[in-house]
Amino acid sequence: MKKELGSVAHQLLNVQPPPLQILWCLFYPPSHPTPVILPSLYWDVSCILTVHLHRHNTVMLSHLPTVPGLWGLVNNAGISLPAAPNELLTKQDFVTVLDVNLLGVIDVTLSLLPLVRKARGRVVNVSSICGRVSLFGGGYCISKYGVEAFSDSLRRELSYFGVKVAMIEPGYFKTAVTSKERFLKSFLEIWDQSSPEVKEVCSEKILAVYKKFAEQLEQKYTQDLSLVTNCMEHALIACHPRTHYSAGWDAKLLYLPMSYMPTFLVDAIIYWDSANPAKAL
């Protein structure tokens, strides 16, 4: 049972774009003599605001049994790009990320809640340490703060029906979402499309700083994805799952403590590795 869950979880963490929501469909509670795992349902959450989702949901739900319900749902789909200083971005850059990371989670969850409630099951939302500390501009951190807030309210509402809601807040892991090559390519495209006025304010040295940031981050990546999948497993099958899971040494020892620090201290830590704009006072 655990081996099967771990295998499915590794699929969840290595999905390539377009962002696909893999539904971790566990029918019957794990303690049942014959639990059924159906890991092969994929939902392209990037279609959420471009397709009439009611029809899309009907297609998805036709693959799911109505009895005894859906025990486990893991919301893992996510994208991190575009990411850059906010002034370099457009409204659409923010919308692109929020559509998948936040609105996608909300829509998938609301669509499947009747089945989860029927089974008194589990909802597991994969957030991030960026849902506790906003480390850079763009829609990613905003979306993860939103996932945290949605999960908190959902947990309280569903507690009356025996449904457990958990959040997983991983640090930096080596996945498609954290690819250095994709990050640098995206940042250069954003820079090239920025107005001369914004470029003058930020200065080109920001390019070198972000390249250095991406290279340093690559060296700090945790490669053992089982640290995350073990959290997923525990949240799904433990009798008393936690409400929050921190995965990775950086999440536990750096970013989680940072989230409890005074604001001025968090700002000072982040300023330490940041580039000063050319026209800073």
C-alpha atoms as a PDB file:
ATOM      1  CA  MET A   1       0.000   0.000   0.000  1.00  0.00           C
ATOM      2  CA  LYS A   2       2.706   2.495   1.033  1.00  0.00           C
ATOM      3  CA  LYS A   3       4.837   1.559  -1.988  1.00  0.00           C
ATOM      4  CA  GLU A   4       1.943   2.283  -4.344  1.00  0.00           C
ATOM      5  CA  LEU A   5       1.235   5.625  -2.677  1.00  0.00           C
ATOM      6  CA  GLY A   6       4.890   6.603  -2.906  1.00  0.00           C
ATOM      7  CA  SER A   7       5.003   5.760  -6.604  1.00  0.00           C
ATOM      8  CA  VAL A   8       1.970   7.913  -7.327  1.00  0.00           C
ATOM      9  CA  ALA A   9       3.370  10.778  -5.256  1.00  0.00           C
ATOM     10  CA  HIS A  10       6.578  10.836  -7.303  1.00  0.00           C
ATOM     11  CA  GLN A  11       4.402  11.234 -10.404  1.00  0.00           C
ATOM     12  CA  LEU A  12       2.746  14.196  -8.725  1.00  0.00           C
ATOM     13  CA  LEU A  13       6.052  15.968  -8.204  1.00  0.00           C
ATOM     14  CA  ASN A  14       7.464  15.446 -11.687  1.00  0.00           C
ATOM     15  CA  VAL A  15       4.628  16.549 -13.949  1.00  0.00           C
ATOM     16  CA  GLN A  16       5.832  18.631 -16.886  1.00  0.00           C
ATOM     17  CA  PRO A  17       3.950  21.644 -18.304  1.00  0.00           C
ATOM     18  CA  PRO A  18       1.114  22.157 -19.103  1.00  0.00           C
ATOM     19  CA  PRO A  19       0.212  22.075 -15.406  1.00  0.00           C
ATOM     20  CA  LEU A  20      -1.727  18.912 -14.738  1.00  0.00           C
ATOM     21  CA  GLN A  21      -3.598  18.145 -11.570  1.00  0.00           C
ATOM     22  CA  ILE A  22      -3.069  14.471 -10.800  1.00  0.00           C
ATOM     23  CA  LEU A  23      -5.968  13.299  -8.699  1.00  0.00           C
ATOM     24  CA  TRP A  24      -4.758  10.902  -6.055  1.00  0.00           C
ATOM     25  CA  CYS A  25      -7.956   8.901  -5.978  1.00  0.00           C
ATOM     26  CA  LEU A  26      -8.113   6.540  -3.034  1.00  0.00           C
ATOM     27  CA  PHE A  27     -11.488   4.830  -2.791  1.00  0.00           C
ATOM     28  CA  TYR A  28     -12.386   3.373   0.580  1.00  0.00           C
ATOM     29  CA  PRO A  29     -10.318   4.369   3.636  1.00  0.00           C
ATOM     30  CA  PRO A  30      -6.757   2.944   3.665  1.00  0.00           C
ATOM     31  CA  SER A  31      -7.748   0.602   6.507  1.00  0.00           C
ATOM     32  CA  HIS A  32     -10.288  -1.128   4.252  1.00  0.00           C
ATOM     33  CA  PRO A  33      -9.311  -4.711   3.299  1.00  0.00           C
ATOM     34  CA  THR A  34      -9.346  -3.820  -0.407  1.00  0.00           C
ATOM     35  CA  PRO A  35      -8.535  -0.139  -0.910  1.00  0.00           C
ATOM     36  CA  VAL A  36      -8.480   0.955  -4.551  1.00  0.00           C
ATOM     37  CA  ILE A  37      -5.935   3.473  -5.830  1.00  0.00           C
ATOM     38  CA  LEU A  38      -6.671   5.095  -9.174  1.00  0.00           C
ATOM     39  CA  PRO A  39      -3.695   7.367  -9.958  1.00  0.00           C
ATOM     40  CA  SER A  40      -4.285   7.818 -13.678  1.00  0.00           C
ATOM     41  CA  LEU A  41      -6.654  10.781 -13.731  1.00  0.00           C
ATOM     42  CA  TYR A  42      -5.113  13.979 -15.096  1.00  0.00           C
ATOM     43  CA  TRP A  43      -6.777  17.383 -15.071  1.00  0.00           C
ATOM     44  CA  ASP A  44      -5.276  20.250 -17.055  1.00  0.00           C
ATOM     45  CA  VAL A  45      -5.910  23.101 -14.636  1.00  0.00           C
ATOM     46  CA  SER A  46      -4.535  25.639 -17.112  1.00  0.00           C
ATOM     47  CA  CYS A  47      -7.880  25.322 -18.931  1.00  0.00           C
ATOM     48  CA  ILE A  48      -9.832  26.615 -15.966  1.00  0.00           C
ATOM     49  CA  LEU A  49     -10.577  30.121 -17.180  1.00  0.00           C
ATOM     50  CA  THR A  50     -10.585  29.337 -20.885  1.00  0.00           C
ATOM     51  CA  VAL A  51     -12.985  26.398 -20.923  1.00  0.00           C
ATOM     52  CA  HIS A  52     -16.500  26.211 -19.527  1.00  0.00           C
ATOM     53  CA  LEU A  53     -15.447  24.149 -16.573  1.00  0.00           C
ATOM     54  CA  HIS A  54     -18.877  22.800 -15.740  1.00  0.00           C
ATOM     55  CA  ARG A  55     -18.684  20.588 -18.797  1.00  0.00           C
ATOM     56  CA  HIS A  56     -15.011  19.812 -18.063  1.00  0.00           C
ATOM     57  CA  ASN A  57     -15.914  18.727 -14.546  1.00  0.00           C
ATOM     58  CA  THR A  58     -18.652  16.460 -15.831  1.00  0.00           C
ATOM     59  CA  VAL A  59     -16.106  14.582 -17.941  1.00  0.00           C
ATOM     60  CA  MET A  60     -13.782  14.223 -14.946  1.00  0.00           C
ATOM     61  CA  LEU A  61     -16.466  13.184 -12.494  1.00  0.00           C
ATOM     62  CA  SER A  62     -17.741  10.512 -14.887  1.00  0.00           C
ATOM     63  CA  HIS A  63     -14.547   8.571 -14.091  1.00  0.00           C
ATOM     64  CA  LEU A  64     -15.141   8.664 -10.350  1.00  0.00           C
ATOM     65  CA  PRO A  65     -17.442   6.412  -8.342  1.00  0.00           C
ATOM     66  CA  THR A  66     -20.189   8.012  -6.289  1.00  0.00           C
ATOM     67  CA  VAL A  67     -20.099   5.276  -3.656  1.00  0.00           C
ATOM     68  CA  PRO A  68     -18.387   5.190  -1.222  1.00  0.00           C
ATOM     69  CA  GLY A  69     -16.874   8.519  -2.269  1.00  0.00           C
ATOM     70  CA  LEU A  70     -13.384   9.875  -2.696  1.00  0.00           C
ATOM     71  CA  TRP A  71     -11.026   9.361   0.232  1.00  0.00           C
ATOM     72  CA  GLY A  72      -8.017  11.386  -0.886  1.00  0.00           C
ATOM     73  CA  LEU A  73      -7.419  14.427  -3.081  1.00  0.00           C
ATOM     74  CA  VAL A  74      -3.913  15.860  -3.449  1.00  0.00           C
ATOM     75  CA  ASN A  75      -3.783  19.293  -5.089  1.00  0.00           C
ATOM     76  CA  ASN A  76      -0.255  19.516  -6.441  1.00  0.00           C
ATOM     77  CA  ALA A  77      -0.425  21.233  -9.829  1.00  0.00           C
ATOM     78  CA  GLY A  78       1.654  24.395  -9.912  1.00  0.00           C
ATOM     79  CA  ILE A  79       3.854  26.707 -11.956  1.00  0.00           C
ATOM     80  CA  SER A  80       6.406  29.232 -10.718  1.00  0.00           C
ATOM     81  CA  LEU A  81       6.995  31.391 -13.777  1.00  0.00           C
ATOM     82  CA  PRO A  82       7.005  34.210 -14.660  1.00  0.00           C
ATOM     83  CA  ALA A  83       8.880  35.439 -11.576  1.00  0.00           C
ATOM     84  CA  ALA A  84      10.706  38.771 -11.402  1.00  0.00           C
ATOM     85  CA  PRO A  85      10.534  42.105  -9.577  1.00  0.00           C
ATOM     86  CA  ASN A  86       6.889  43.128  -9.670  1.00  0.00           C
ATOM     87  CA  GLU A  87       7.422  46.295 -11.715  1.00  0.00           C
ATOM     88  CA  LEU A  88       8.877  44.254 -14.571  1.00  0.00           C
ATOM     89  CA  LEU A  89       5.711  42.167 -14.816  1.00  0.00           C
ATOM     90  CA  THR A  90       2.284  42.756 -16.323  1.00  0.00           C
ATOM     91  CA  LYS A  91      -1.117  41.940 -14.874  1.00  0.00           C
ATOM     92  CA  GLN A  92      -1.326  38.941 -17.207  1.00  0.00           C
ATOM     93  CA  ASP A  93       1.904  37.545 -15.763  1.00  0.00           C
ATOM     94  CA  PHE A  94       0.231  37.435 -12.354  1.00  0.00           C
ATOM     95  CA  VAL A  95      -3.000  36.004 -13.768  1.00  0.00           C
ATOM     96  CA  THR A  96      -1.119  33.175 -15.499  1.00  0.00           C
ATOM     97  CA  VAL A  97       0.262  31.885 -12.207  1.00  0.00           C
ATOM     98  CA  LEU A  98      -2.835  32.540 -10.085  1.00  0.00           C
ATOM     99  CA  ASP A  99      -5.082  30.699 -12.549  1.00  0.00           C
ATOM    100  CA  VAL A 100      -3.164  27.480 -11.976  1.00  0.00           C
ATOM    101  CA  ASN A 101      -1.761  27.688  -8.463  1.00  0.00           C
ATOM    102  CA  LEU A 102      -4.750  29.191  -6.664  1.00  0.00           C
ATOM    103  CA  LEU A 103      -7.915  29.204  -8.770  1.00  0.00           C
ATOM    104  CA  GLY A 104      -7.093  25.735 -10.095  1.00  0.00           C
ATOM    105  CA  VAL A 105      -6.789  24.358  -6.556  1.00  0.00           C
ATOM    106  CA  ILE A 106     -10.050  26.028  -5.527  1.00  0.00           C
ATOM    107  CA  ASP A 107     -11.997  24.801  -8.554  1.00  0.00           C
ATOM    108  CA  VAL A 108     -10.780  21.198  -8.430  1.00  0.00           C
ATOM    109  CA  THR A 109     -11.447  21.045  -4.699  1.00  0.00           C
ATOM    110  CA  LEU A 110     -14.943  22.516  -4.860  1.00  0.00           C
ATOM    111  CA  SER A 111     -15.860  20.160  -7.702  1.00  0.00           C
ATOM    112  CA  LEU A 112     -14.850  17.059  -5.734  1.00  0.00           C
ATOM    113  CA  LEU A 113     -15.905  18.085  -2.233  1.00  0.00           C
ATOM    114  CA  PRO A 114     -19.229  16.190  -2.332  1.00  0.00           C
ATOM    115  CA  LEU A 115     -17.350  12.924  -2.953  1.00  0.00           C
ATOM    116  CA  VAL A 116     -14.697  13.661  -0.321  1.00  0.00           C
ATOM    117  CA  ARG A 117     -17.350  14.595   2.238  1.00  0.00           C
ATOM    118  CA  LYS A 118     -19.246  11.391   1.523  1.00  0.00           C
ATOM    119  CA  ALA A 119     -16.132   9.347   2.336  1.00  0.00           C
ATOM    120  CA  ARG A 120     -15.129  11.593   5.263  1.00  0.00           C
ATOM    121  CA  GLY A 121     -11.822  11.734   3.464  1.00  0.00           C
ATOM    122  CA  ARG A 122      -8.781  13.955   3.131  1.00  0.00           C
ATOM    123  CA  VAL A 123      -7.814  17.038   1.135  1.00  0.00           C
ATOM    124  CA  VAL A 124      -4.075  17.666   0.872  1.00  0.00           C
ATOM    125  CA  ASN A 125      -2.984  20.987  -0.629  1.00  0.00           C
ATOM    126  CA  VAL A 126       0.656  21.394  -1.603  1.00  0.00           C
ATOM    127  CA  SER A 127       1.619  24.948  -0.710  1.00  0.00           C
ATOM    128  CA  SER A 128       5.214  26.129  -0.260  1.00  0.00           C
ATOM    129  CA  ILE A 129       7.530  27.903   2.129  1.00  0.00           C
ATOM    130  CA  CYS A 130       6.692  30.851  -0.134  1.00  0.00           C
ATOM    131  CA  GLY A 131       3.224  30.692   1.403  1.00  0.00           C
ATOM    132  CA  ARG A 132       4.863  31.709   4.686  1.00  0.00           C
ATOM    133  CA  VAL A 133       7.615  34.080   3.518  1.00  0.00           C
ATOM    134  CA  SER A 134       7.351  36.113   0.311  1.00  0.00           C
ATOM    135  CA  LEU A 135      10.825  35.748  -1.176  1.00  0.00           C
ATOM    136  CA  PHE A 136      10.421  37.260  -4.655  1.00  0.00           C
ATOM    137  CA  GLY A 137       8.022  39.111  -6.906  1.00  0.00           C
ATOM    138  CA  GLY A 138       5.432  37.656  -9.242  1.00  0.00           C
ATOM    139  CA  GLY A 139       2.351  35.537  -8.741  1.00  0.00           C
ATOM    140  CA  TYR A 140       3.928  32.469  -7.125  1.00  0.00           C
ATOM    141  CA  CYS A 141       4.215  33.701  -3.529  1.00  0.00           C
ATOM    142  CA  ILE A 142       0.835  35.422  -3.787  1.00  0.00           C
ATOM    143  CA  SER A 143      -0.781  32.192  -4.975  1.00  0.00           C
ATOM    144  CA  LYS A 144       0.759  30.144  -2.156  1.00  0.00           C
ATOM    145  CA  TYR A 145      -0.415  32.620   0.482  1.00  0.00           C
ATOM    146  CA  GLY A 146      -3.852  32.177  -1.100  1.00  0.00           C
ATOM    147  CA  VAL A 147      -3.619  28.384  -0.890  1.00  0.00           C
ATOM    148  CA  GLU A 148      -2.781  28.698   2.805  1.00  0.00           C
ATOM    149  CA  ALA A 149      -5.809  30.919   3.457  1.00  0.00           C
ATOM    150  CA  PHE A 150      -8.129  28.687   1.409  1.00  0.00           C
ATOM    151  CA  SER A 151      -6.894  25.585   3.237  1.00  0.00           C
ATOM    152  CA  ASP A 152      -7.366  27.189   6.651  1.00  0.00           C
ATOM    153  CA  SER A 153     -10.974  28.149   5.965  1.00  0.00           C
ATOM    154  CA  LEU A 154     -11.693  24.805   4.276  1.00  0.00           C
ATOM    155  CA  ARG A 155     -10.273  22.852   7.218  1.00  0.00           C
ATOM    156  CA  ARG A 156     -12.585  24.602   9.680  1.00  0.00           C
ATOM    157  CA  GLU A 157     -15.653  24.244   7.473  1.00  0.00           C
ATOM    158  CA  LEU A 158     -15.132  20.541   6.725  1.00  0.00           C
ATOM    159  CA  SER A 159     -14.223  19.541  10.275  1.00  0.00           C
ATOM    160  CA  TYR A 160     -17.956  19.302  11.004  1.00  0.00           C
ATOM    161  CA  PHE A 161     -18.192  16.459   8.466  1.00  0.00           C
ATOM    162  CA  GLY A 162     -15.137  14.475   9.536  1.00  0.00           C
ATOM    163  CA  VAL A 163     -13.003  15.660   6.594  1.00  0.00           C
ATOM    164  CA  LYS A 164      -9.346  16.470   7.300  1.00  0.00           C
ATOM    165  CA  VAL A 165      -7.482  19.195   5.384  1.00  0.00           C
ATOM    166  CA  ALA A 166      -3.687  19.335   5.426  1.00  0.00           C
ATOM    167  CA  MET A 167      -1.095  21.636   3.905  1.00  0.00           C
ATOM    168  CA  ILE A 168       2.383  20.632   2.780  1.00  0.00           C
ATOM    169  CA  GLU A 169       4.968  23.422   2.675  1.00  0.00           C
ATOM    170  CA  PRO A 170       8.086  22.133   0.899  1.00  0.00           C
ATOM    171  CA  GLY A 171      11.346  24.025   0.701  1.00  0.00           C
ATOM    172  CA  TYR A 172      13.388  24.025  -2.510  1.00  0.00           C
ATOM    173  CA  PHE A 173      13.373  20.644  -4.238  1.00  0.00           C
ATOM    174  CA  LYS A 174      14.747  19.710  -7.628  1.00  0.00           C
ATOM    175  CA  THR A 175      11.646  19.472  -9.851  1.00  0.00           C
ATOM    176  CA  ALA A 176      10.447  20.903 -13.161  1.00  0.00           C
ATOM    177  CA  VAL A 177       9.037  23.882 -11.254  1.00  0.00           C
ATOM    178  CA  THR A 178      12.511  24.891  -9.978  1.00  0.00           C
ATOM    179  CA  SER A 179      14.458  24.453 -13.241  1.00  0.00           C
ATOM    180  CA  LYS A 180      17.306  26.996 -13.462  1.00  0.00           C
ATOM    181  CA  GLU A 181      17.247  27.038 -17.263  1.00  0.00           C
ATOM    182  CA  ARG A 182      13.530  27.779 -17.437  1.00  0.00           C
ATOM    183  CA  PHE A 183      13.828  30.460 -14.771  1.00  0.00           C
ATOM    184  CA  LEU A 184      16.667  32.321 -16.525  1.00  0.00           C
ATOM    185  CA  LYS A 185      15.014  32.058 -19.943  1.00  0.00           C
ATOM    186  CA  SER A 186      11.769  33.458 -18.543  1.00  0.00           C
ATOM    187  CA  PHE A 187      13.562  36.286 -16.722  1.00  0.00           C
ATOM    188  CA  LEU A 188      15.482  37.346 -19.832  1.00  0.00           C
ATOM    189  CA  GLU A 189      12.244  37.436 -21.845  1.00  0.00           C
ATOM    190  CA  ILE A 190      10.631  39.609 -19.175  1.00  0.00           C
ATOM    191  CA  TRP A 191      13.636  41.936 -19.129  1.00  0.00           C
ATOM    192  CA  ASP A 192      13.652  42.308 -22.931  1.00  0.00           C
ATOM    193  CA  GLN A 193       9.950  43.233 -22.915  1.00  0.00           C
ATOM    194  CA  SER A 194      10.275  45.805 -20.118  1.00  0.00           C
ATOM    195  CA  SER A 195      10.090  49.518 -20.815  1.00  0.00           C
ATOM    196  CA  PRO A 196      13.311  51.593 -21.014  1.00  0.00           C
ATOM    197  CA  GLU A 197      12.188  53.564 -17.948  1.00  0.00           C
ATOM    198  CA  VAL A 198      11.890  50.445 -15.794  1.00  0.00           C
ATOM    199  CA  LYS A 199      15.214  49.116 -17.084  1.00  0.00           C
ATOM    200  CA  GLU A 200      16.868  52.393 -16.158  1.00  0.00           C
ATOM    201  CA  VAL A 201      15.448  52.249 -12.634  1.00  0.00           C
ATOM    202  CA  CYS A 202      16.412  48.611 -12.027  1.00  0.00           C
ATOM    203  CA  SER A 203      19.752  48.608 -13.894  1.00  0.00           C
ATOM    204  CA  GLU A 204      21.197  45.661 -15.764  1.00  0.00           C
ATOM    205  CA  LYS A 205      23.120  44.421 -12.749  1.00  0.00           C
ATOM    206  CA  ILE A 206      19.858  42.843 -11.635  1.00  0.00           C
ATOM    207  CA  LEU A 207      20.399  40.288 -14.423  1.00  0.00           C
ATOM    208  CA  ALA A 208      23.663  39.177 -12.851  1.00  0.00           C
ATOM    209  CA  VAL A 209      22.070  39.049  -9.408  1.00  0.00           C
ATOM    210  CA  TYR A 210      19.194  36.835 -10.597  1.00  0.00           C
ATOM    211  CA  LYS A 211      21.599  34.560 -12.476  1.00  0.00           C
ATOM    212  CA  LYS A 212      23.671  34.202  -9.312  1.00  0.00           C
ATOM    213  CA  PHE A 213      20.484  33.584  -7.318  1.00  0.00           C
ATOM    214  CA  ALA A 214      19.431  30.784  -9.682  1.00  0.00           C
ATOM    215  CA  GLU A 215      22.867  29.153  -9.524  1.00  0.00           C
ATOM    216  CA  GLN A 216      23.022  29.323  -5.724  1.00  0.00           C
ATOM    217  CA  LEU A 217      19.517  27.928  -5.480  1.00  0.00           C
ATOM    218  CA  GLU A 218      20.443  24.991  -7.716  1.00  0.00           C
ATOM    219  CA  GLN A 219      23.252  24.090  -5.299  1.00  0.00           C
ATOM    220  CA  LYS A 220      20.850  24.169  -2.356  1.00  0.00           C
ATOM    221  CA  TYR A 221      18.128  22.023  -3.928  1.00  0.00           C
ATOM    222  CA  THR A 222      17.056  18.961  -2.000  1.00  0.00           C
ATOM    223  CA  GLN A 223      16.872  16.006  -4.366  1.00  0.00           C
ATOM    224  CA  ASP A 224      15.192  13.479  -2.079  1.00  0.00           C
ATOM    225  CA  LEU A 225      11.530  13.841  -3.079  1.00  0.00           C
ATOM    226  CA  SER A 226      10.535  11.191  -0.549  1.00  0.00           C
ATOM    227  CA  LEU A 227      10.667  13.947   2.074  1.00  0.00           C
ATOM    228  CA  VAL A 228       7.607  15.428   0.368  1.00  0.00           C
ATOM    229  CA  THR A 229       5.892  12.196  -0.616  1.00  0.00           C
ATOM    230  CA  ASN A 230       6.179  10.899   2.948  1.00  0.00           C
ATOM    231  CA  CYS A 231       4.246  13.966   4.075  1.00  0.00           C
ATOM    232  CA  MET A 232       1.582  13.260   1.455  1.00  0.00           C
ATOM    233  CA  GLU A 233       1.367   9.668   2.598  1.00  0.00           C
ATOM    234  CA  HIS A 234       1.013  10.612   6.258  1.00  0.00           C
ATOM    235  CA  ALA A 235      -1.602  13.256   5.504  1.00  0.00           C
ATOM    236  CA  LEU A 236      -3.658  10.707   3.561  1.00  0.00           C
ATOM    237  CA  ILE A 237      -3.533   7.612   5.737  1.00  0.00           C
ATOM    238  CA  ALA A 238      -2.600   8.646   9.297  1.00  0.00           C
ATOM    239  CA  CYS A 239      -5.357   8.512  11.897  1.00  0.00           C
ATOM    240  CA  HIS A 240      -4.421  11.980  13.099  1.00  0.00           C
ATOM    241  CA  PRO A 241      -2.832  13.935  10.221  1.00  0.00           C
ATOM    242  CA  ARG A 242      -1.159  17.260  10.909  1.00  0.00           C
ATOM    243  CA  THR A 243      -2.550  20.510   9.576  1.00  0.00           C
ATOM    244  CA  HIS A 244       0.884  21.671   8.334  1.00  0.00           C
ATOM    245  CA  TYR A 245       3.871  19.683   7.079  1.00  0.00           C
ATOM    246  CA  SER A 246       7.321  21.210   6.463  1.00  0.00           C
ATOM    247  CA  ALA A 247       9.411  19.229   3.971  1.00  0.00           C
ATOM    248  CA  GLY A 248      13.141  19.781   3.561  1.00  0.00           C
ATOM    249  CA  TRP A 249      15.909  21.066   5.820  1.00  0.00           C
ATOM    250  CA  ASP A 250      15.561  24.648   4.548  1.00  0.00           C
ATOM    251  CA  ALA A 251      11.829  24.685   5.284  1.00  0.00           C
ATOM    252  CA  LYS A 252      12.317  23.395   8.831  1.00  0.00           C
ATOM    253  CA  LEU A 253      15.480  25.269   9.848  1.00  0.00           C
ATOM    254  CA  LEU A 254      15.294  28.520   7.878  1.00  0.00           C
ATOM    255  CA  TYR A 255      11.982  29.541   6.359  1.00  0.00           C
ATOM    256  CA  LEU A 256       9.648  28.260   9.076  1.00  0.00           C
ATOM    257  CA  PRO A 257      11.562  30.150  11.789  1.00  0.00           C
ATOM    258  CA  MET A 258      11.707  33.213   9.493  1.00  0.00           C
ATOM    259  CA  SER A 259       7.919  33.236   9.257  1.00  0.00           C
ATOM    260  CA  TYR A 260       7.750  33.872  13.009  1.00  0.00           C
ATOM    261  CA  MET A 261      10.418  36.591  13.066  1.00  0.00           C
ATOM    262  CA  PRO A 262       9.675  40.333  13.278  1.00  0.00           C
ATOM    263  CA  THR A 263       9.111  41.887   9.855  1.00  0.00           C
ATOM    264  CA  PHE A 264      12.193  44.132  10.017  1.00  0.00           C
ATOM    265  CA  LEU A 265      14.403  41.090  10.620  1.00  0.00           C
ATOM    266  CA  VAL A 266      12.896  39.098   7.725  1.00  0.00           C
ATOM    267  CA  ASP A 267      13.366  42.115   5.458  1.00  0.00           C
ATOM    268  CA  ALA A 268      17.012  42.423   6.521  1.00  0.00           C
ATOM    269  CA  ILE A 269      17.674  38.740   5.721  1.00  0.00           C
ATOM    270  CA  ILE A 270      16.109  39.081   2.272  1.00  0.00           C
ATOM    271  CA  TYR A 271      17.907  42.396   1.563  1.00  0.00           C
ATOM    272  CA  TRP A 272      21.195  40.586   2.244  1.00  0.00           C
ATOM    273  CA  ASP A 273      21.042  38.766  -1.116  1.00  0.00           C
ATOM    274  CA  SER A 274      19.084  41.399  -3.057  1.00  0.00           C
ATOM    275  CA  ALA A 275      20.343  43.878  -5.643  1.00  0.00           C
ATOM    276  CA  ASN A 276      19.900  47.582  -4.992  1.00  0.00           C
ATOM    277  CA  PRO A 277      18.156  49.374  -7.886  1.00  0.00           C
ATOM    278  CA  ALA A 278      20.328  51.812  -9.858  1.00  0.00           C
ATOM    279  CA  LYS A 279      18.330  54.790  -8.600  1.00  0.00           C
ATOM    280  CA  ALA A 280      17.885  53.647  -5.022  1.00  0.00           C
ATOM    281  CA  LEU A 281      17.985  56.406  -2.418  1.00  0.00           C
END
